[in-house]
N, C-alpha and C. Protein backbone atom coordinates (compact mmCIF):
# COMPACT_ATOMS: atom_id res chain seq x y z
N UNK A 1 1.39 -10.27 8.57
CA UNK A 1 -0.23 -10.51 8.36
C UNK A 1 0.09 -9.75 6.04
N UNK A 2 0.77 -10.65 5.38
CA UNK A 2 0.73 -10.47 3.88
C UNK A 2 -0.54 -10.54 3.45
N UNK A 3 -1.23 -9.44 2.81
CA UNK A 3 -2.35 -9.92 1.81
C UNK A 3 -2.33 -9.63 0.50
N UNK A 4 -1.26 -9.36 0.15
CA UNK A 4 -1.31 -9.61 -1.55
C UNK A 4 -0.46 -10.83 -1.63
N UNK A 5 -1.15 -11.08 -2.97
CA UNK A 5 -0.87 -12.58 -3.42
C UNK A 5 0.45 -12.50 -4.25
N UNK A 6 0.41 -11.67 -5.10
CA UNK A 6 1.79 -11.64 -6.11
C UNK A 6 2.26 -10.36 -6.55
N UNK A 7 3.37 -10.40 -6.54
CA UNK A 7 4.22 -9.06 -7.65
C UNK A 7 3.56 -9.37 -8.94
N UNK A 8 3.14 -8.19 -9.73
CA UNK A 8 3.27 -8.88 -11.18
C UNK A 8 4.21 -8.49 -12.20
N UNK A 9 3.99 -6.79 -11.72
CA UNK A 9 5.42 -6.16 -12.78
C UNK A 9 5.86 -4.71 -11.66
N UNK A 10 7.10 -4.84 -11.94
CA UNK A 10 7.83 -3.82 -10.90
C UNK A 10 8.83 -3.22 -11.79
N UNK A 11 9.30 -1.74 -11.47
CA UNK A 11 10.67 -1.37 -12.25
C UNK A 11 10.89 -0.20 -11.34
N UNK A 12 11.74 1.00 -11.39
CA UNK A 12 12.45 2.19 -10.65
C UNK A 12 11.03 2.77 -10.38
N UNK A 13 9.96 2.84 -10.80
CA UNK A 13 8.73 3.96 -10.51
C UNK A 13 7.92 3.31 -9.91
N UNK A 14 7.52 2.37 -10.46
CA UNK A 14 6.11 1.37 -10.57
C UNK A 14 6.01 0.38 -10.03
N UNK A 15 4.78 -0.45 -9.00
CA UNK A 15 4.52 -1.51 -8.94
C UNK A 15 3.17 -1.94 -9.26
N UNK A 16 3.30 -3.08 -9.52
CA UNK A 16 1.87 -3.72 -9.73
C UNK A 16 1.83 -5.09 -8.59
N UNK A 17 0.57 -5.12 -7.75
CA UNK A 17 0.38 -6.59 -7.48
C UNK A 17 -0.83 -7.13 -7.54
N UNK A 18 -1.05 -8.54 -7.40
CA UNK A 18 -2.74 -8.97 -7.21
C UNK A 18 -2.71 -9.16 -5.75
N UNK A 19 -4.26 -9.48 -5.36
CA UNK A 19 -4.85 -9.98 -4.29
C UNK A 19 -6.15 -10.94 -4.69
N UNK A 20 -6.16 -11.87 -3.20
CA UNK A 20 -7.07 -12.19 -3.87
C UNK A 20 -7.66 -12.74 -1.95
N UNK A 21 -7.24 -12.12 -1.24
CA UNK A 21 -7.05 -12.31 0.17
C UNK A 21 -8.68 -11.39 0.84
N UNK A 22 -9.08 -10.48 -0.51
CA UNK A 22 -10.39 -9.75 0.56
C UNK A 22 -11.31 -10.32 0.56
N UNK A 23 -11.21 -11.60 -0.45
CA UNK A 23 -12.51 -12.70 -0.59
C UNK A 23 -12.65 -13.49 0.45
N UNK A 24 -11.37 -13.70 1.38
CA UNK A 24 -11.60 -14.11 2.54
C UNK A 24 -11.91 -14.33 3.95
N UNK A 25 -12.51 -15.27 4.33
CA UNK A 25 -13.86 -14.82 5.99
C UNK A 25 -12.77 -14.50 6.89
N UNK A 26 -11.95 -14.95 6.76
CA UNK A 26 -10.60 -14.90 7.71
C UNK A 26 -9.47 -13.76 7.28
N UNK A 27 -9.65 -12.56 6.66
CA UNK A 27 -9.06 -11.91 6.13
C UNK A 27 -9.05 -11.15 7.62
N UNK A 28 -7.60 -10.69 8.35
CA UNK A 28 -7.94 -9.86 9.62
C UNK A 28 -8.22 -8.48 9.67
N UNK A 29 -8.62 -7.76 8.35
CA UNK A 29 -9.10 -6.48 8.72
C UNK A 29 -10.32 -6.73 8.60
N UNK A 30 -11.03 -7.74 7.94
CA UNK A 30 -12.54 -8.01 8.12
C UNK A 30 -12.84 -7.38 9.56
N UNK A 31 -13.86 -6.47 9.57
CA UNK A 31 -15.41 -6.37 11.00
C UNK A 31 -16.26 -6.69 10.81
N UNK A 32 -17.07 -7.35 11.54
CA UNK A 32 -18.58 -8.07 11.40
C UNK A 32 -18.75 -8.42 9.87
N UNK A 33 -17.32 -9.49 9.62
CA UNK A 33 -17.79 -9.95 7.96
C UNK A 33 -17.67 -9.08 7.27
N UNK A 34 -17.42 -7.95 7.42
CA UNK A 34 -17.39 -7.16 6.01
C UNK A 34 -15.51 -6.34 5.95
N UNK A 35 -15.58 -5.76 4.79
CA UNK A 35 -14.35 -5.36 4.50
C UNK A 35 -14.21 -3.79 4.17
N UNK A 36 -14.02 -3.13 4.75
CA UNK A 36 -14.15 -1.77 3.92
C UNK A 36 -13.57 -0.94 3.25
N UNK A 37 -13.60 -0.85 2.33
CA UNK A 37 -12.76 -0.15 1.34
C UNK A 37 -11.42 0.87 1.48
N UNK A 38 -11.82 1.41 2.83
CA UNK A 38 -10.54 1.93 3.49
C UNK A 38 -9.51 1.29 3.26
N UNK A 39 -9.96 -0.17 3.43
CA UNK A 39 -8.90 -1.45 3.71
C UNK A 39 -7.80 -1.29 2.78
N UNK A 40 -8.47 -0.81 1.73
CA UNK A 40 -7.50 -0.98 0.29
C UNK A 40 -6.22 -0.04 0.60
N UNK A 41 -6.70 1.01 0.98
CA UNK A 41 -4.73 1.56 1.79
C UNK A 41 -4.24 0.60 2.44
N UNK A 42 -4.15 -0.45 3.44
CA UNK A 42 -3.31 -1.40 3.63
C UNK A 42 -2.81 -1.91 2.27
N UNK A 43 -3.54 -2.69 1.67
CA UNK A 43 -2.96 -2.94 0.25
C UNK A 43 -1.69 -2.28 -0.18
N UNK A 44 -2.26 -1.18 -0.72
CA UNK A 44 -1.75 -0.56 -1.20
C UNK A 44 0.14 -0.26 -0.34
N UNK A 45 -0.22 -0.07 0.90
CA UNK A 45 0.94 0.26 1.81
C UNK A 45 1.57 -0.76 1.71
N UNK A 46 1.48 -2.35 1.62
CA UNK A 46 2.19 -3.70 1.54
C UNK A 46 2.82 -3.30 0.34
N UNK A 47 2.32 -2.90 -0.73
CA UNK A 47 3.02 -3.19 -2.19
C UNK A 47 3.96 -2.34 -2.45
N UNK A 48 3.99 -0.68 -1.71
CA UNK A 48 5.31 0.19 -1.41
C UNK A 48 5.87 -0.31 -0.57
N UNK A 49 5.74 -1.37 0.29
CA UNK A 49 6.90 -1.72 1.35
C UNK A 49 7.80 -3.05 0.23
N UNK A 50 6.94 -3.82 -0.29
CA UNK A 50 7.41 -4.61 -1.44
C UNK A 50 8.40 -3.48 -2.37
N UNK A 51 8.13 -3.12 -2.96
CA UNK A 51 8.51 -1.76 -4.07
C UNK A 51 9.94 -1.43 -3.45
N UNK A 52 10.09 -0.70 -2.11
CA UNK A 52 11.02 -0.01 -1.15
C UNK A 52 12.10 -1.25 -1.34
N UNK A 53 11.47 -2.48 -0.98
CA UNK A 53 12.45 -3.73 -0.62
C UNK A 53 13.01 -4.11 -2.04
N UNK A 54 12.60 -4.08 -2.74
CA UNK A 54 12.80 -4.70 -4.64
C UNK A 54 13.83 -3.75 -4.66
N UNK A 55 13.98 -2.19 -4.32
CA UNK A 55 14.50 -1.21 -5.06
C UNK A 55 15.70 -0.98 -4.14
N UNK A 56 16.14 -1.40 -3.05
CA UNK A 56 17.04 -1.94 -2.14
C UNK A 56 18.32 -2.17 -2.45
N UNK A 57 19.44 -1.37 -2.19
CA UNK A 57 20.74 -1.84 -2.79
C UNK A 57 21.12 -3.45 -1.87
N UNK A 58 21.57 -4.22 -3.09
CA UNK A 58 21.90 -5.64 -2.82
C UNK A 58 22.72 -5.91 -1.62
N UNK A 59 23.53 -5.11 -1.44
CA UNK A 59 24.68 -5.01 -0.35
C UNK A 59 23.77 -4.61 1.23
N UNK A 60 22.76 -4.11 1.28
CA UNK A 60 22.42 -3.81 2.23
C UNK A 60 22.15 -4.72 3.43
N UNK A 61 22.75 -4.53 4.39
CA UNK A 61 22.79 -5.08 5.46
C UNK A 61 21.42 -5.32 6.53
N UNK A 62 20.85 -3.52 6.43
CA UNK A 62 19.85 -3.43 6.94
C UNK A 62 18.84 -2.95 6.33
N UNK A 63 17.74 -3.40 6.45
CA UNK A 63 16.66 -3.22 5.72
C UNK A 63 16.03 -1.64 6.48
N UNK A 64 15.81 -0.90 5.44
CA UNK A 64 15.21 0.51 5.89
C UNK A 64 13.86 0.46 5.97
N UNK A 65 13.75 0.75 7.45
CA UNK A 65 12.13 0.90 8.60
C UNK A 65 11.50 2.02 7.24
N UNK A 66 10.06 2.05 6.96
CA UNK A 66 9.20 3.05 6.25
C UNK A 66 8.04 3.12 7.22
N UNK A 67 7.50 4.44 7.21
CA UNK A 67 6.41 4.64 8.05
C UNK A 67 5.63 5.45 7.04
N UNK A 68 4.11 4.86 7.37
CA UNK A 68 3.52 5.51 6.40
C UNK A 68 2.57 6.23 7.50
N UNK A 69 3.09 7.65 6.41
CA UNK A 69 3.06 8.88 7.65
C UNK A 69 1.30 9.72 7.42
N UNK A 70 1.08 9.63 5.82
CA UNK A 70 0.00 10.81 5.51
C UNK A 70 -0.65 9.95 4.02
N UNK A 71 -1.70 9.77 3.99
CA UNK A 71 -2.99 9.25 3.23
C UNK A 71 -3.80 10.33 2.64
N UNK A 72 -3.82 10.99 1.32
CA UNK A 72 -4.14 12.51 0.95
C UNK A 72 -4.55 11.94 -0.32
N UNK A 73 -5.81 12.84 -0.61
CA UNK A 73 -6.47 12.34 -1.54
C UNK A 73 -7.64 11.10 -2.01
N UNK A 74 -7.45 10.65 -1.03
CA UNK A 74 -8.21 9.41 -1.42
C UNK A 74 -9.61 9.32 -1.60
N UNK A 75 -10.18 8.60 -2.76
CA UNK A 75 -11.16 8.76 -2.94
C UNK A 75 -12.02 7.00 -3.07
N UNK A 76 -12.90 6.92 -2.33
CA UNK A 76 -13.47 5.65 -2.19
C UNK A 76 -14.48 5.39 -3.16
N UNK A 77 -14.49 4.40 -4.14
CA UNK A 77 -15.55 4.34 -5.19
C UNK A 77 -16.24 3.29 -4.72
N UNK A 78 -16.09 2.29 -3.61
CA UNK A 78 -17.24 1.46 -3.26
C UNK A 78 -16.95 1.38 -1.77
N UNK A 79 -17.97 1.09 -1.44
CA UNK A 79 -18.19 0.88 0.16
C UNK A 79 -17.15 -0.62 0.88
N UNK A 80 -17.19 -1.47 0.23
CA UNK A 80 -16.60 -2.40 0.94
C UNK A 80 -16.26 -3.56 -0.26
N UNK A 81 -14.86 -4.28 0.01
CA UNK A 81 -14.38 -4.99 -1.14
C UNK A 81 -14.28 -6.47 -0.76
N UNK A 82 -14.99 -7.04 0.32
CA UNK A 82 -15.48 -8.37 0.17
C UNK A 82 -16.35 -9.07 -0.64
N UNK A 83 -16.92 -8.32 -1.33
CA UNK A 83 -17.93 -8.78 -2.35
C UNK A 83 -17.86 -8.60 -3.55
N UNK A 84 -16.09 -8.15 -3.93
CA UNK A 84 -15.60 -8.03 -5.15
C UNK A 84 -15.33 -9.58 -5.35
N UNK A 85 -15.49 -10.38 -6.68
CA UNK A 85 -15.17 -11.80 -6.76
C UNK A 85 -14.12 -12.18 -7.79
N UNK A 86 -13.66 -11.07 -8.10
CA UNK A 86 -12.54 -10.92 -9.19
C UNK A 86 -11.32 -10.55 -8.31
N UNK A 87 -10.35 -11.04 -8.65
CA UNK A 87 -8.92 -10.40 -7.86
C UNK A 87 -8.53 -8.83 -8.29
N UNK A 88 -7.86 -8.53 -7.05
CA UNK A 88 -7.84 -6.98 -7.30
C UNK A 88 -6.02 -6.80 -7.90
N UNK A 89 -6.31 -5.62 -7.87
CA UNK A 89 -4.73 -5.38 -8.83
C UNK A 89 -4.53 -3.75 -8.12
N UNK A 90 -3.22 -4.17 -7.69
CA UNK A 90 -3.31 -2.93 -6.55
C UNK A 90 -1.75 -2.28 -7.36
N UNK A 91 -1.88 -0.99 -7.44
CA UNK A 91 -0.90 -0.40 -8.38
C UNK A 91 -0.67 0.81 -7.67
N UNK A 92 1.40 1.20 -7.33
CA UNK A 92 1.23 2.08 -6.64
C UNK A 92 2.78 2.89 -7.64
N UNK A 93 2.87 3.75 -8.06
CA UNK A 93 3.56 5.09 -8.62
C UNK A 93 4.50 6.07 -7.91
N UNK A 94 5.45 5.40 -7.72
CA UNK A 94 6.29 6.70 -7.28
C UNK A 94 6.35 7.69 -7.79
N UNK A 95 5.70 9.12 -6.82
CA UNK A 95 5.67 10.56 -7.52
C UNK A 95 7.09 10.98 -7.72
N UNK A 96 7.35 10.93 -6.85
CA UNK A 96 8.79 11.87 -5.77
C UNK A 96 9.66 11.10 -4.64
N UNK A 97 10.75 11.26 -4.93
CA UNK A 97 11.24 10.46 -3.31
C UNK A 97 13.06 11.22 -3.13
N UNK A 98 13.17 11.30 -2.15
CA UNK A 98 14.39 11.83 -1.42
C UNK A 98 14.90 10.82 -0.63
N UNK A 99 16.25 11.08 0.27
CA UNK A 99 16.63 9.91 0.97
C UNK A 99 15.53 9.77 1.93
N UNK A 100 14.85 10.45 2.65
CA UNK A 100 14.11 9.67 3.52
C UNK A 100 12.36 9.49 3.57
N UNK A 101 12.28 10.15 2.25
CA UNK A 101 11.22 10.44 2.00
C UNK A 101 10.52 10.25 0.64
N UNK A 102 9.44 9.56 0.43
CA UNK A 102 8.97 8.74 -0.65
C UNK A 102 7.65 9.31 -0.82
N UNK A 103 6.70 9.74 -2.00
CA UNK A 103 5.60 10.50 -2.14
C UNK A 103 4.75 9.07 -3.18
N UNK A 104 3.81 8.42 -3.01
CA UNK A 104 3.21 7.54 -3.90
C UNK A 104 1.66 7.45 -4.05
N UNK A 105 1.45 7.77 -5.40
CA UNK A 105 0.15 7.63 -6.11
C UNK A 105 -0.08 6.06 -6.04
N UNK A 106 -1.35 5.80 -5.68
CA UNK A 106 -2.22 4.44 -5.63
C UNK A 106 -3.41 4.24 -6.30
N UNK A 107 -3.80 2.95 -6.16
CA UNK A 107 -5.30 2.72 -7.07
C UNK A 107 -4.93 1.39 -6.64
N UNK A 108 -6.31 0.52 -6.10
CA UNK A 108 -7.06 -0.75 -6.19
C UNK A 108 -8.03 -1.16 -7.16
N UNK A 109 -8.25 -1.30 -8.17
CA UNK A 109 -9.15 -1.91 -9.27
C UNK A 109 -9.06 -3.31 -9.23
N UNK A 110 -10.02 -3.67 -9.77
CA UNK A 110 -10.59 -5.07 -10.41
C UNK A 110 -11.50 -4.77 -11.95
N UNK A 111 -10.35 -5.81 -12.76
CA UNK A 111 -11.21 -5.61 -13.86
C UNK A 111 -11.90 -4.54 -14.59
N UNK A 112 -10.54 -3.55 -14.48
CA UNK A 112 -10.52 -2.55 -15.13
C UNK A 112 -11.73 -1.23 -13.94
N UNK A 113 -12.14 -1.48 -13.13
CA UNK A 113 -13.17 -1.25 -12.37
C UNK A 113 -12.15 -0.19 -11.06
N UNK A 114 -12.16 1.32 -11.09
CA UNK A 114 -11.30 1.53 -10.19
C UNK A 114 -12.29 1.86 -8.90
N UNK A 115 -11.59 1.24 -7.72
CA UNK A 115 -11.98 0.79 -6.51
C UNK A 115 -11.60 1.92 -5.33
N UNK A 116 -10.37 2.17 -5.27
CA UNK A 116 -10.02 3.81 -4.65
C UNK A 116 -8.94 4.04 -5.38
N UNK A 117 -8.73 4.96 -4.65
CA UNK A 117 -6.84 5.97 -5.30
C UNK A 117 -6.67 7.13 -4.59
N UNK A 118 -5.41 7.06 -4.60
CA UNK A 118 -4.93 8.35 -3.20
C UNK A 118 -3.45 8.48 -3.51
N UNK A 119 -2.89 9.12 -2.04
CA UNK A 119 -1.39 9.47 -2.80
C UNK A 119 -1.16 9.12 -0.85
N UNK A 120 0.05 8.68 -0.92
CA UNK A 120 0.75 8.19 0.59
C UNK A 120 2.20 8.65 0.40
N UNK A 121 2.36 9.15 1.74
CA UNK A 121 3.91 9.71 2.31
C UNK A 121 4.71 8.39 2.70
N UNK A 122 5.41 8.25 2.64
CA UNK A 122 5.92 7.44 3.23
C UNK A 122 7.65 8.04 3.80
N UNK A 123 7.92 8.11 5.17
CA UNK A 123 9.12 8.44 5.50
C UNK A 123 10.03 7.34 6.20
N UNK A 124 11.31 7.20 5.74
CA UNK A 124 12.50 5.89 5.70
C UNK A 124 13.03 6.21 6.69
N UNK A 125 13.41 5.24 8.03
CA UNK A 125 14.39 5.08 8.98
C UNK A 125 14.43 6.80 10.05
N UNK A 126 13.09 6.78 10.15
CA UNK A 126 13.01 7.88 11.64
C UNK A 126 13.24 7.39 12.63
N UNK A 127 13.93 7.86 13.29
CA UNK A 127 14.49 7.21 14.88
C UNK A 127 13.21 7.79 15.81
N UNK A 128 11.87 8.02 15.74
CA UNK A 128 11.02 7.94 16.58
C UNK A 128 9.98 8.49 15.79
N UNK A 129 8.59 7.97 16.34
CA UNK A 129 6.95 8.39 15.50
C UNK A 129 6.77 9.70 15.76
N UNK A 130 7.71 10.63 16.51
CA UNK A 130 7.01 11.98 16.60
C UNK A 130 8.24 12.58 15.73
N UNK A 131 8.30 12.36 14.09
CA UNK A 131 9.15 12.93 13.49
C UNK A 131 9.12 14.63 13.37
N UNK A 132 7.95 14.72 13.50
CA UNK A 132 8.38 16.15 12.83
C UNK A 132 8.15 17.14 14.01
N UNK A 133 8.61 16.67 15.03
CA UNK A 133 8.70 17.48 16.66
C UNK A 133 8.01 17.81 17.07
N UNK A 134 7.10 17.00 16.94
CA UNK A 134 6.00 16.70 17.98
C UNK A 134 6.45 16.21 19.10
N UNK A 135 5.31 16.43 20.41
CA UNK A 135 6.17 15.94 21.55
C UNK A 135 4.65 15.16 22.08
N UNK A 136 4.42 14.06 22.85
CA UNK A 136 3.48 13.24 23.34
C UNK A 136 2.45 13.86 24.45
């Protein structure tokens, strides 16, 4: 499921993408015909994943798998996204990165109007979904 339309710009720190899928009646994240604004986190997560792929070394034979493990400080400025008639702008900025952890700040906006924003932590190449020593 790819929700993004295209990558607009990117560099070592930032990626900006656009999306039109929020208007689609067949958007897989819709429930009862609505697309809650919290679904914008998935749009941002996809932008982060693309950013990671673009930054991967060209000789990298095995892609690194990233897990979205935390979303914090998220503010939703609208209730739903399906009624937004213009394209979405998704931006993710790498705040800090180590060998296996990346902290991003993200936003989803349209025509200068902020729809949602927050921070997300991605863990790379975790060997188990219980990465923090928790057990099932």
